[in-house]
């Protein structure tokens, strides 16, 4: 738990003191990748509450989902087909499902 809080604090400090800018042409890819990362984070919180968290599954899912989502958006952009909708639907629905399960676990405690 302490390690997670330290990681969050380091991330916040990096976000405040090291400005990161990117071209607006990448905003679609970044937003879909962030949604995929949030899905992994909520899945990790759920797994932790269910006491079956595995760091290898979390890390590979975190980066794998982000890369897959951004790649799907990129390929769709090149083909002229909005394939990023598939990533938004899949990761968005899982994110809300994980949130609902987390909420139920916390309420039942």
PDB file of N, CA and C in Angstrom:
ATOM      1  N   UNK A   1       0.824  -1.188   0.000  1.00  0.00           N
ATOM      2  CA  UNK A   1       0.000   0.000   0.000  1.00  0.00           C
ATOM      3  C   UNK A   1       0.873   1.258   0.000  1.00  0.00           C
ATOM      4  N   UNK A   2       1.914   1.237   0.814  1.00  0.00           N
ATOM      5  CA  UNK A   2       2.821   2.396   0.881  1.00  0.00           C
ATOM      6  C   UNK A   2       3.521   2.600  -0.461  1.00  0.00           C
ATOM      7  N   UNK A   3       3.905   1.501  -1.110  1.00  0.00           N
ATOM      8  CA  UNK A   3       4.576   1.599  -2.398  1.00  0.00           C
ATOM      9  C   UNK A   3       3.663   2.226  -3.442  1.00  0.00           C
ATOM     10  N   UNK A   4       2.385   1.891  -3.409  1.00  0.00           N
ATOM     11  CA  UNK A   4       1.425   2.477  -4.346  1.00  0.00           C
ATOM     12  C   UNK A   4       1.277   3.983  -4.097  1.00  0.00           C
ATOM     13  N   UNK A   5       1.203   4.381  -2.840  1.00  0.00           N
ATOM     14  CA  UNK A   5       1.083   5.808  -2.521  1.00  0.00           C
ATOM     15  C   UNK A   5       2.325   6.583  -2.935  1.00  0.00           C
ATOM     16  N   UNK A   6       3.491   5.987  -2.752  1.00  0.00           N
ATOM     17  CA  UNK A   6       4.736   6.634  -3.182  1.00  0.00           C
ATOM     18  C   UNK A   6       4.734   6.798  -4.697  1.00  0.00           C
ATOM     19  N   UNK A   7       4.280   5.766  -5.408  1.00  0.00           N
ATOM     20  CA  UNK A   7       4.194   5.847  -6.868  1.00  0.00           C
ATOM     21  C   UNK A   7       3.242   6.931  -7.337  1.00  0.00           C
ATOM     22  N   UNK A   8       2.110   7.050  -6.662  1.00  0.00           N
ATOM     23  CA  UNK A   8       1.145   8.088  -7.008  1.00  0.00           C
ATOM     24  C   UNK A   8       1.738   9.474  -6.767  1.00  0.00           C
ATOM     25  N   UNK A   9       2.408   9.658  -5.627  1.00  0.00           N
ATOM     26  CA  UNK A   9       3.028  10.957  -5.322  1.00  0.00           C
ATOM     27  C   UNK A   9       4.115  11.304  -6.321  1.00  0.00           C
ATOM     28  N   UNK A  10       4.935  10.332  -6.691  1.00  0.00           N
ATOM     29  CA  UNK A  10       5.978  10.581  -7.689  1.00  0.00           C
ATOM     30  C   UNK A  10       5.353  10.971  -9.023  1.00  0.00           C
ATOM     31  N   UNK A  11       4.274  10.289  -9.414  1.00  0.00           N
ATOM     32  CA  UNK A  11       3.586  10.621 -10.658  1.00  0.00           C
ATOM     33  C   UNK A  11       2.998  12.018 -10.644  1.00  0.00           C
ATOM     34  N   UNK A  12       2.425  12.405  -9.517  1.00  0.00           N
ATOM     35  CA  UNK A  12       1.868  13.755  -9.400  1.00  0.00           C
ATOM     36  C   UNK A  12       2.969  14.805  -9.482  1.00  0.00           C
ATOM     37  N   UNK A  13       4.078  14.571  -8.786  1.00  0.00           N
ATOM     38  CA  UNK A  13       5.192  15.527  -8.834  1.00  0.00           C
ATOM     39  C   UNK A  13       5.767  15.649 -10.236  1.00  0.00           C
ATOM     40  N   UNK A  14       5.928  14.530 -10.910  1.00  0.00           N
ATOM     41  CA  UNK A  14       6.431  14.578 -12.291  1.00  0.00           C
ATOM     42  C   UNK A  14       5.457  15.348 -13.175  1.00  0.00           C
ATOM     43  N   UNK A  15       4.157  15.104 -12.986  1.00  0.00           N
ATOM     44  CA  UNK A  15       3.151  15.801 -13.782  1.00  0.00           C
ATOM     45  C   UNK A  15       3.135  17.299 -13.568  1.00  0.00           C
ATOM     46  N   UNK A  16       3.411  17.742 -12.350  1.00  0.00           N
ATOM     47  CA  UNK A  16       3.403  19.178 -12.068  1.00  0.00           C
ATOM     48  C   UNK A  16       4.684  19.882 -12.508  1.00  0.00           C
ATOM     49  N   UNK A  17       5.827  19.227 -12.356  1.00  0.00           N
ATOM     50  CA  UNK A  17       7.093  19.916 -12.561  1.00  0.00           C
ATOM     51  C   UNK A  17       7.784  19.628 -13.877  1.00  0.00           C
ATOM     52  N   UNK A  18       7.357  18.645 -14.607  1.00  0.00           N
ATOM     53  CA  UNK A  18       7.940  18.369 -15.923  1.00  0.00           C
ATOM     54  C   UNK A  18       6.819  18.494 -16.949  1.00  0.00           C
ATOM     55  N   UNK A  19       6.753  19.628 -17.620  1.00  0.00           N
ATOM     56  CA  UNK A  19       5.660  19.820 -18.579  1.00  0.00           C
ATOM     57  C   UNK A  19       5.834  18.913 -19.799  1.00  0.00           C
ATOM     58  N   UNK A  20       4.772  18.217 -20.135  1.00  0.00           N
ATOM     59  CA  UNK A  20       4.776  17.345 -21.298  1.00  0.00           C
ATOM     60  C   UNK A  20       3.766  17.892 -22.282  1.00  0.00           C
ATOM     61  N   UNK A  21       4.218  18.199 -23.465  1.00  0.00           N
ATOM     62  CA  UNK A  21       3.323  18.681 -24.501  1.00  0.00           C
ATOM     63  C   UNK A  21       3.394  17.732 -25.689  1.00  0.00           C
ATOM     64  N   UNK A  22       2.315  17.655 -26.391  1.00  0.00           N
ATOM     65  CA  UNK A  22       2.255  16.819 -27.572  1.00  0.00           C
ATOM     66  C   UNK A  22       1.356  17.501 -28.596  1.00  0.00           C
ATOM     67  N   UNK A  23       1.505  17.065 -29.818  1.00  0.00           N
ATOM     68  CA  UNK A  23       0.708  17.624 -30.897  1.00  0.00           C
ATOM     69  C   UNK A  23      -0.747  17.194 -30.741  1.00  0.00           C
ATOM     70  N   UNK A  24      -1.650  18.060 -31.117  1.00  0.00           N
ATOM     71  CA  UNK A  24      -3.070  17.718 -31.013  1.00  0.00           C
ATOM     72  C   UNK A  24      -3.449  16.585 -31.957  1.00  0.00           C
ATOM     73  N   UNK A  25      -2.608  16.298 -32.939  1.00  0.00           N
ATOM     74  CA  UNK A  25      -2.910  15.184 -33.841  1.00  0.00           C
ATOM     75  C   UNK A  25      -2.782  13.841 -33.128  1.00  0.00           C
ATOM     76  N   UNK A  26      -2.096  13.817 -31.985  1.00  0.00           N
ATOM     77  CA  UNK A  26      -1.961  12.587 -31.208  1.00  0.00           C
ATOM     78  C   UNK A  26      -3.014  12.451 -30.117  1.00  0.00           C
ATOM     79  N   UNK A  27      -3.897  13.420 -29.988  1.00  0.00           N
ATOM     80  CA  UNK A  27      -4.839  13.417 -28.870  1.00  0.00           C
ATOM     81  C   UNK A  27      -5.783  12.211 -28.900  1.00  0.00           C
ATOM     82  N   UNK A  28      -6.172  11.756 -30.074  1.00  0.00           N
ATOM     83  CA  UNK A  28      -7.038  10.583 -30.163  1.00  0.00           C
ATOM     84  C   UNK A  28      -6.332   9.348 -29.619  1.00  0.00           C
ATOM     85  N   UNK A  29      -5.075   9.155 -30.035  1.00  0.00           N
ATOM     86  CA  UNK A  29      -4.309   7.986 -29.593  1.00  0.00           C
ATOM     87  C   UNK A  29      -4.055   8.021 -28.086  1.00  0.00           C
ATOM     88  N   UNK A  30      -3.717   9.189 -27.587  1.00  0.00           N
ATOM     89  CA  UNK A  30      -3.423   9.322 -26.165  1.00  0.00           C
ATOM     90  C   UNK A  30      -4.680   9.129 -25.321  1.00  0.00           C
ATOM     91  N   UNK A  31      -5.793   9.673 -25.770  1.00  0.00           N
ATOM     92  CA  UNK A  31      -7.022   9.531 -24.987  1.00  0.00           C
ATOM     93  C   UNK A  31      -7.484   8.083 -24.930  1.00  0.00           C
ATOM     94  N   UNK A  32      -7.363   7.345 -26.028  1.00  0.00           N
ATOM     95  CA  UNK A  32      -7.753   5.944 -26.024  1.00  0.00           C
ATOM     96  C   UNK A  32      -6.785   5.135 -25.165  1.00  0.00           C
ATOM     97  N   UNK A  33      -5.496   5.455 -25.224  1.00  0.00           N
ATOM     98  CA  UNK A  33      -4.505   4.764 -24.399  1.00  0.00           C
ATOM     99  C   UNK A  33      -4.741   5.046 -22.912  1.00  0.00           C
ATOM    100  N   UNK A  34      -5.098   6.271 -22.565  1.00  0.00           N
ATOM    101  CA  UNK A  34      -5.385   6.609 -21.165  1.00  0.00           C
ATOM    102  C   UNK A  34      -6.615   5.850 -20.684  1.00  0.00           C
ATOM    103  N   UNK A  35      -7.625   5.731 -21.527  1.00  0.00           N
ATOM    104  CA  UNK A  35      -8.804   4.956 -21.155  1.00  0.00           C
ATOM    105  C   UNK A  35      -8.435   3.499 -20.890  1.00  0.00           C
ATOM    106  N   UNK A  36      -7.561   2.940 -21.730  1.00  0.00           N
ATOM    107  CA  UNK A  36      -7.114   1.559 -21.530  1.00  0.00           C
ATOM    108  C   UNK A  36      -6.319   1.423 -20.230  1.00  0.00           C
ATOM    109  N   UNK A  37      -5.488   2.406 -19.927  1.00  0.00           N
ATOM    110  CA  UNK A  37      -4.721   2.375 -18.673  1.00  0.00           C
ATOM    111  C   UNK A  37      -5.642   2.474 -17.464  1.00  0.00           C
ATOM    112  N   UNK A  38      -6.652   3.331 -17.543  1.00  0.00           N
ATOM    113  CA  UNK A  38      -7.605   3.441 -16.439  1.00  0.00           C
ATOM    114  C   UNK A  38      -8.354   2.130 -16.232  1.00  0.00           C
ATOM    115  N   UNK A  39      -8.666   1.438 -17.327  1.00  0.00           N
ATOM    116  CA  UNK A  39      -9.300   0.131 -17.206  1.00  0.00           C
ATOM    117  C   UNK A  39      -8.397  -0.829 -16.453  1.00  0.00           C
ATOM    118  N   UNK A  40      -7.109  -0.801 -16.747  1.00  0.00           N
ATOM    119  CA  UNK A  40      -6.172  -1.678 -16.046  1.00  0.00           C
ATOM    120  C   UNK A  40      -6.053  -1.314 -14.573  1.00  0.00           C
ATOM    121  N   UNK A  41      -6.046  -0.024 -14.275  1.00  0.00           N
ATOM    122  CA  UNK A  41      -5.947   0.418 -12.882  1.00  0.00           C
ATOM    123  C   UNK A  41      -7.174  -0.040 -12.094  1.00  0.00           C
ATOM    124  N   UNK A  42      -8.360   0.150 -12.650  1.00  0.00           N
ATOM    125  CA  UNK A  42      -9.570  -0.289 -11.949  1.00  0.00           C
ATOM    126  C   UNK A  42      -9.602  -1.808 -11.830  1.00  0.00           C
ATOM    127  N   UNK A  43      -9.112  -2.506 -12.841  1.00  0.00           N
ATOM    128  CA  UNK A  43      -9.017  -3.962 -12.740  1.00  0.00           C
ATOM    129  C   UNK A  43      -8.042  -4.384 -11.655  1.00  0.00           C
ATOM    130  N   UNK A  44      -6.944  -3.654 -11.506  1.00  0.00           N
ATOM    131  CA  UNK A  44      -5.978  -3.941 -10.445  1.00  0.00           C
ATOM    132  C   UNK A  44      -6.546  -3.685  -9.067  1.00  0.00           C
ATOM    133  N   UNK A  45      -7.304  -2.603  -8.932  1.00  0.00           N
ATOM    134  CA  UNK A  45      -7.944  -2.312  -7.639  1.00  0.00           C
ATOM    135  C   UNK A  45      -8.949  -3.407  -7.299  1.00  0.00           C
ATOM    136  N   UNK A  46      -9.711  -3.813  -8.298  1.00  0.00           N
ATOM    137  CA  UNK A  46     -10.687  -4.889  -8.072  1.00  0.00           C
ATOM    138  C   UNK A  46      -9.981  -6.184  -7.662  1.00  0.00           C
ATOM    139  N   UNK A  47      -8.918  -6.534  -8.380  1.00  0.00           N
ATOM    140  CA  UNK A  47      -8.184  -7.762  -8.051  1.00  0.00           C
ATOM    141  C   UNK A  47      -7.588  -7.684  -6.654  1.00  0.00           C
ATOM    142  N   UNK A  48      -7.101  -6.512  -6.270  1.00  0.00           N
ATOM    143  CA  UNK A  48      -6.548  -6.337  -4.928  1.00  0.00           C
ATOM    144  C   UNK A  48      -7.618  -6.519  -3.866  1.00  0.00           C
ATOM    145  N   UNK A  49      -8.795  -5.968  -4.101  1.00  0.00           N
ATOM    146  CA  UNK A  49      -9.885  -6.118  -3.136  1.00  0.00           C
ATOM    147  C   UNK A  49     -10.372  -7.565  -3.056  1.00  0.00           C
ATOM    148  N   UNK A  50     -10.274  -8.288  -4.171  1.00  0.00           N
ATOM    149  CA  UNK A  50     -10.664  -9.703  -4.188  1.00  0.00           C
ATOM    150  C   UNK A  50      -9.516 -10.610  -3.759  1.00  0.00           C
ATOM    151  N   UNK A  51      -8.384  -9.992  -3.447  1.00  0.00           N
ATOM    152  CA  UNK A  51      -7.177 -10.676  -2.964  1.00  0.00           C
ATOM    153  C   UNK A  51      -6.619 -11.698  -3.946  1.00  0.00           C
ATOM    154  N   UNK A  52      -6.641 -11.363  -5.230  1.00  0.00           N
ATOM    155  CA  UNK A  52      -5.984 -12.192  -6.235  1.00  0.00           C
ATOM    156  C   UNK A  52      -5.177 -11.326  -7.212  1.00  0.00           C
ATOM    157  N   UNK A  53      -4.558 -10.263  -6.676  1.00  0.00           N
ATOM    158  CA  UNK A  53      -3.747  -9.346  -7.478  1.00  0.00           C
ATOM    159  C   UNK A  53      -2.407  -9.986  -7.818  1.00  0.00           C
ATOM    160  N   UNK A  54      -2.018  -9.869  -9.085  1.00  0.00           N
ATOM    161  CA  UNK A  54      -0.715 -10.336  -9.549  1.00  0.00           C
ATOM    162  C   UNK A  54      -0.059  -9.189 -10.310  1.00  0.00           C
ATOM    163  N   UNK A  55       1.094  -8.763  -9.844  1.00  0.00           N
ATOM    164  CA  UNK A  55       1.763  -7.596 -10.435  1.00  0.00           C
ATOM    165  C   UNK A  55       2.131  -7.828 -11.892  1.00  0.00           C
ATOM    166  N   UNK A  56       2.504  -9.064 -12.252  1.00  0.00           N
ATOM    167  CA  UNK A  56       2.860  -9.346 -13.657  1.00  0.00           C
ATOM    168  C   UNK A  56       1.658  -9.168 -14.569  1.00  0.00           C
ATOM    169  N   UNK A  57       0.507  -9.640 -14.128  1.00  0.00           N
ATOM    170  CA  UNK A  57      -0.705  -9.481 -14.930  1.00  0.00           C
ATOM    171  C   UNK A  57      -1.070  -8.011 -15.037  1.00  0.00           C
ATOM    172  N   UNK A  58      -0.919  -7.266 -13.937  1.00  0.00           N
ATOM    173  CA  UNK A  58      -1.254  -5.841 -13.963  1.00  0.00           C
ATOM    174  C   UNK A  58      -0.342  -5.069 -14.917  1.00  0.00           C
ATOM    175  N   UNK A  59       0.959  -5.259 -14.800  1.00  0.00           N
ATOM    176  CA  UNK A  59       1.906  -4.486 -15.617  1.00  0.00           C
ATOM    177  C   UNK A  59       1.753  -4.828 -17.090  1.00  0.00           C
ATOM    178  N   UNK A  60       1.667  -6.124 -17.411  1.00  0.00           N
ATOM    179  CA  UNK A  60       1.513  -6.491 -18.818  1.00  0.00           C
ATOM    180  C   UNK A  60       0.171  -6.022 -19.371  1.00  0.00           C
ATOM    181  N   UNK A  61      -0.876  -6.074 -18.555  1.00  0.00           N
ATOM    182  CA  UNK A  61      -2.175  -5.569 -18.996  1.00  0.00           C
ATOM    183  C   UNK A  61      -2.180  -4.065 -19.165  1.00  0.00           C
ATOM    184  N   UNK A  62      -1.520  -3.362 -18.254  1.00  0.00           N
ATOM    185  CA  UNK A  62      -1.459  -1.900 -18.310  1.00  0.00           C
ATOM    186  C   UNK A  62      -0.815  -1.436 -19.615  1.00  0.00           C
ATOM    187  N   UNK A  63       0.388  -1.920 -19.884  1.00  0.00           N
ATOM    188  CA  UNK A  63       1.087  -1.485 -21.095  1.00  0.00           C
ATOM    189  C   UNK A  63       0.515  -2.136 -22.346  1.00  0.00           C
ATOM    190  N   UNK A  64       0.129  -3.400 -22.245  1.00  0.00           N
ATOM    191  CA  UNK A  64      -0.434  -4.086 -23.402  1.00  0.00           C
ATOM    192  C   UNK A  64      -1.735  -3.462 -23.866  1.00  0.00           C
ATOM    193  N   UNK A  65      -2.637  -3.152 -22.926  1.00  0.00           N
ATOM    194  CA  UNK A  65      -3.906  -2.513 -23.283  1.00  0.00           C
ATOM    195  C   UNK A  65      -3.684  -1.134 -23.881  1.00  0.00           C
ATOM    196  N   UNK A  66      -2.761  -0.371 -23.311  1.00  0.00           N
ATOM    197  CA  UNK A  66      -2.497   0.978 -23.831  1.00  0.00           C
ATOM    198  C   UNK A  66      -1.944   0.912 -25.251  1.00  0.00           C
ATOM    199  N   UNK A  67      -0.997   0.022 -25.469  1.00  0.00           N
ATOM    200  CA  UNK A  67      -0.400  -0.106 -26.805  1.00  0.00           C
ATOM    201  C   UNK A  67      -1.432  -0.619 -27.800  1.00  0.00           C
ATOM    202  N   UNK A  68      -2.205  -1.621 -27.405  1.00  0.00           N
ATOM    203  CA  UNK A  68      -3.228  -2.167 -28.293  1.00  0.00           C
ATOM    204  C   UNK A  68      -4.269  -1.119 -28.659  1.00  0.00           C
ATOM    205  N   UNK A  69      -4.714  -0.351 -27.685  1.00  0.00           N
ATOM    206  CA  UNK A  69      -5.727   0.673 -27.950  1.00  0.00           C
ATOM    207  C   UNK A  69      -5.177   1.756 -28.884  1.00  0.00           C
ATOM    208  N   UNK A  70      -3.960   2.225 -28.618  1.00  0.00           N
ATOM    209  CA  UNK A  70      -3.367   3.258 -29.471  1.00  0.00           C
ATOM    210  C   UNK A  70      -3.111   2.710 -30.876  1.00  0.00           C
ATOM    211  N   UNK A  71      -2.672   1.464 -30.965  1.00  0.00           N
ATOM    212  CA  UNK A  71      -2.423   0.843 -32.273  1.00  0.00           C
ATOM    213  C   UNK A  71      -3.729   0.676 -33.040  1.00  0.00           C
ATOM    214  N   UNK A  72      -4.786   0.287 -32.358  1.00  0.00           N
ATOM    215  CA  UNK A  72      -6.083   0.156 -33.002  1.00  0.00           C
ATOM    216  C   UNK A  72      -6.571   1.501 -33.534  1.00  0.00           C
ATOM    217  N   UNK A  73      -6.383   2.542 -32.750  1.00  0.00           N
ATOM    218  CA  UNK A  73      -6.770   3.882 -33.201  1.00  0.00           C
ATOM    219  C   UNK A  73      -5.921   4.325 -34.387  1.00  0.00           C
ATOM    220  N   UNK A  74      -4.626   4.007 -34.358  1.00  0.00           N
ATOM    221  CA  UNK A  74      -3.733   4.387 -35.449  1.00  0.00           C
ATOM    222  C   UNK A  74      -4.101   3.659 -36.745  1.00  0.00           C
ATOM    223  N   UNK A  75      -4.316   2.353 -36.645  1.00  0.00           N
ATOM    224  CA  UNK A  75      -4.672   1.579 -37.840  1.00  0.00           C
ATOM    225  C   UNK A  75      -6.000   2.068 -38.414  1.00  0.00           C
ATOM    226  N   UNK A  76      -6.956   2.317 -37.541  1.00  0.00           N
ATOM    227  CA  UNK A  76      -8.233   2.843 -38.001  1.00  0.00           C
ATOM    228  C   UNK A  76      -8.094   4.202 -38.655  1.00  0.00           C
ATOM    229  N   UNK A  77      -7.218   5.029 -38.117  1.00  0.00           N
ATOM    230  CA  UNK A  77      -6.978   6.347 -38.693  1.00  0.00           C
ATOM    231  C   UNK A  77      -6.382   6.222 -40.091  1.00  0.00           C
ATOM    232  N   UNK A  78      -5.454   5.306 -40.253  1.00  0.00           N
ATOM    233  CA  UNK A  78      -4.822   5.089 -41.559  1.00  0.00           C
ATOM    234  C   UNK A  78      -5.800   4.504 -42.579  1.00  0.00           C
ATOM    235  N   UNK A  79      -6.720   3.669 -42.116  1.00  0.00           N
ATOM    236  CA  UNK A  79      -7.697   3.060 -43.017  1.00  0.00           C
ATOM    237  C   UNK A  79      -8.905   3.957 -43.261  1.00  0.00           C
ATOM    238  N   UNK A  80      -9.048   4.989 -42.455  1.00  0.00           N
ATOM    239  CA  UNK A  80     -10.194   5.868 -42.581  1.00  0.00           C
ATOM    240  C   UNK A  80     -11.447   5.306 -41.934  1.00  0.00           C
ATOM    241  N   UNK A  81     -11.255   4.346 -41.028  1.00  0.00           N
ATOM    242  CA  UNK A  81     -12.364   3.709 -40.323  1.00  0.00           C
ATOM    243  C   UNK A  81     -12.184   3.997 -38.829  1.00  0.00           C
ATOM    244  N   UNK A  82     -13.218   4.443 -38.146  1.00  0.00           N
ATOM    245  CA  UNK A  82     -13.056   4.767 -36.713  1.00  0.00           C
ATOM    246  C   UNK A  82     -12.985   3.512 -35.827  1.00  0.00           C
ATOM    247  N   UNK A  83     -11.887   2.768 -35.918  1.00  0.00           N
ATOM    248  CA  UNK A  83     -11.707   1.562 -35.115  1.00  0.00           C
ATOM    249  C   UNK A  83     -11.537   1.864 -33.631  1.00  0.00           C
ATOM    250  N   UNK A  84     -11.211   3.100 -33.303  1.00  0.00           N
ATOM    251  CA  UNK A  84     -11.032   3.449 -31.901  1.00  0.00           C
ATOM    252  C   UNK A  84     -12.332   3.320 -31.122  1.00  0.00           C
ATOM    253  N   UNK A  85     -13.468   3.317 -31.819  1.00  0.00           N
ATOM    254  CA  UNK A  85     -14.746   3.097 -31.132  1.00  0.00           C
ATOM    255  C   UNK A  85     -14.779   1.729 -30.451  1.00  0.00           C
ATOM    256  N   UNK A  86     -14.150   0.733 -31.076  1.00  0.00           N
ATOM    257  CA  UNK A  86     -14.101  -0.601 -30.468  1.00  0.00           C
ATOM    258  C   UNK A  86     -13.349  -0.552 -29.144  1.00  0.00           C
ATOM    259  N   UNK A  87     -12.236   0.172 -29.113  1.00  0.00           N
ATOM    260  CA  UNK A  87     -11.458   0.304 -27.876  1.00  0.00           C
ATOM    261  C   UNK A  87     -12.243   1.088 -26.832  1.00  0.00           C
ATOM    262  N   UNK A  88     -12.912   2.147 -27.247  1.00  0.00           N
ATOM    263  CA  UNK A  88     -13.700   2.942 -26.306  1.00  0.00           C
ATOM    264  C   UNK A  88     -14.813   2.093 -25.705  1.00  0.00           C
ATOM    265  N   UNK A  89     -15.487   1.316 -26.544  1.00  0.00           N
ATOM    266  CA  UNK A  89     -16.573   0.476 -26.049  1.00  0.00           C
ATOM    267  C   UNK A  89     -16.052  -0.601 -25.107  1.00  0.00           C
ATOM    268  N   UNK A  90     -14.991  -1.309 -25.517  1.00  0.00           N
ATOM    269  CA  UNK A  90     -14.477  -2.421 -24.705  1.00  0.00           C
ATOM    270  C   UNK A  90     -13.920  -1.932 -23.374  1.00  0.00           C
ATOM    271  N   UNK A  91     -13.008  -0.967 -23.424  1.00  0.00           N
ATOM    272  CA  UNK A  91     -12.375  -0.509 -22.194  1.00  0.00           C
ATOM    273  C   UNK A  91     -13.330   0.314 -21.337  1.00  0.00           C
ATOM    274  N   UNK A  92     -14.200   1.091 -21.960  1.00  0.00           N
ATOM    275  CA  UNK A  92     -15.162   1.880 -21.201  1.00  0.00           C
ATOM    276  C   UNK A  92     -16.152   1.015 -20.452  1.00  0.00           C
ATOM    277  N   UNK A  93     -16.660  -0.010 -21.119  1.00  0.00           N
ATOM    278  CA  UNK A  93     -17.630  -0.877 -20.430  1.00  0.00           C
ATOM    279  C   UNK A  93     -16.961  -1.673 -19.313  1.00  0.00           C
ATOM    280  N   UNK A  94     -15.733  -2.138 -19.538  1.00  0.00           N
ATOM    281  CA  UNK A  94     -15.018  -2.856 -18.470  1.00  0.00           C
ATOM    282  C   UNK A  94     -14.684  -1.932 -17.312  1.00  0.00           C
ATOM    283  N   UNK A  95     -14.354  -0.684 -17.607  1.00  0.00           N
ATOM    284  CA  UNK A  95     -14.038   0.271 -16.548  1.00  0.00           C
ATOM    285  C   UNK A  95     -15.244   0.480 -15.644  1.00  0.00           C
ATOM    286  N   UNK A  96     -16.418   0.679 -16.236  1.00  0.00           N
ATOM    287  CA  UNK A  96     -17.618   0.877 -15.427  1.00  0.00           C
ATOM    288  C   UNK A  96     -18.019  -0.399 -14.698  1.00  0.00           C
ATOM    289  N   UNK A  97     -17.812  -1.544 -15.326  1.00  0.00           N
ATOM    290  CA  UNK A  97     -18.116  -2.808 -14.661  1.00  0.00           C
ATOM    291  C   UNK A  97     -17.201  -3.014 -13.456  1.00  0.00           C
ATOM    292  N   UNK A  98     -15.908  -2.759 -13.622  1.00  0.00           N
ATOM    293  CA  UNK A  98     -14.977  -2.883 -12.498  1.00  0.00           C
ATOM    294  C   UNK A  98     -15.315  -1.898 -11.389  1.00  0.00           C
ATOM    295  N   UNK A  99     -15.689  -0.688 -11.762  1.00  0.00           N
ATOM    296  CA  UNK A  99     -16.061   0.306 -10.750  1.00  0.00           C
ATOM    297  C   UNK A  99     -17.278  -0.155  -9.957  1.00  0.00           C
ATOM    298  N   UNK A 100     -18.269  -0.727 -10.645  1.00  0.00           N
ATOM    299  CA  UNK A 100     -19.466  -1.208  -9.954  1.00  0.00           C
ATOM    300  C   UNK A 100     -19.108  -2.345  -8.986  1.00  0.00           C
ATOM    301  N   UNK A 101     -18.224  -3.230  -9.389  1.00  0.00           N
ATOM    302  CA  UNK A 101     -17.826  -4.335  -8.512  1.00  0.00           C
ATOM    303  C   UNK A 101     -17.032  -3.815  -7.322  1.00  0.00           C
ATOM    304  N   UNK A 102     -16.140  -2.861  -7.556  1.00  0.00           N
ATOM    305  CA  UNK A 102     -15.368  -2.255  -6.460  1.00  0.00           C
ATOM    306  C   UNK A 102     -16.314  -1.596  -5.463  1.00  0.00           C
ATOM    307  N   UNK A 103     -17.287  -0.881  -5.981  1.00  0.00           N
ATOM    308  CA  UNK A 103     -18.263  -0.211  -5.120  1.00  0.00           C
ATOM    309  C   UNK A 103     -19.023  -1.222  -4.268  1.00  0.00           C
ATOM    310  N   UNK A 104     -19.441  -2.318  -4.868  1.00  0.00           N
ATOM    311  CA  UNK A 104     -20.184  -3.332  -4.112  1.00  0.00           C
ATOM    312  C   UNK A 104     -19.308  -3.985  -3.046  1.00  0.00           C
ATOM    313  N   UNK A 105     -18.053  -4.244  -3.379  1.00  0.00           N
ATOM    314  CA  UNK A 105     -17.143  -4.843  -2.403  1.00  0.00           C
ATOM    315  C   UNK A 105     -16.956  -3.908  -1.218  1.00  0.00           C
ATOM    316  N   UNK A 106     -16.748  -2.625  -1.495  1.00  0.00           N
ATOM    317  CA  UNK A 106     -16.525  -1.666  -0.417  1.00  0.00           C
ATOM    318  C   UNK A 106     -17.788  -1.437   0.419  1.00  0.00           C
ATOM    319  N   UNK A 107     -18.944  -1.450  -0.203  1.00  0.00           N
ATOM    320  CA  UNK A 107     -20.185  -1.262   0.554  1.00  0.00           C
ATOM    321  C   UNK A 107     -20.451  -2.471   1.448  1.00  0.00           C
ATOM    322  N   UNK A 108     -20.153  -3.671   0.962  1.00  0.00           N
ATOM    323  CA  UNK A 108     -20.404  -4.880   1.749  1.00  0.00           C
ATOM    324  C   UNK A 108     -19.421  -5.067   2.892  1.00  0.00           C
ATOM    325  N   UNK A 109     -18.345  -4.330   2.912  1.00  0.00           N
ATOM    326  CA  UNK A 109     -17.360  -4.463   4.002  1.00  0.00           C
ATOM    327  C   UNK A 109     -17.776  -3.727   5.217  1.00  0.00           C
TER     328      UNK A 109
END
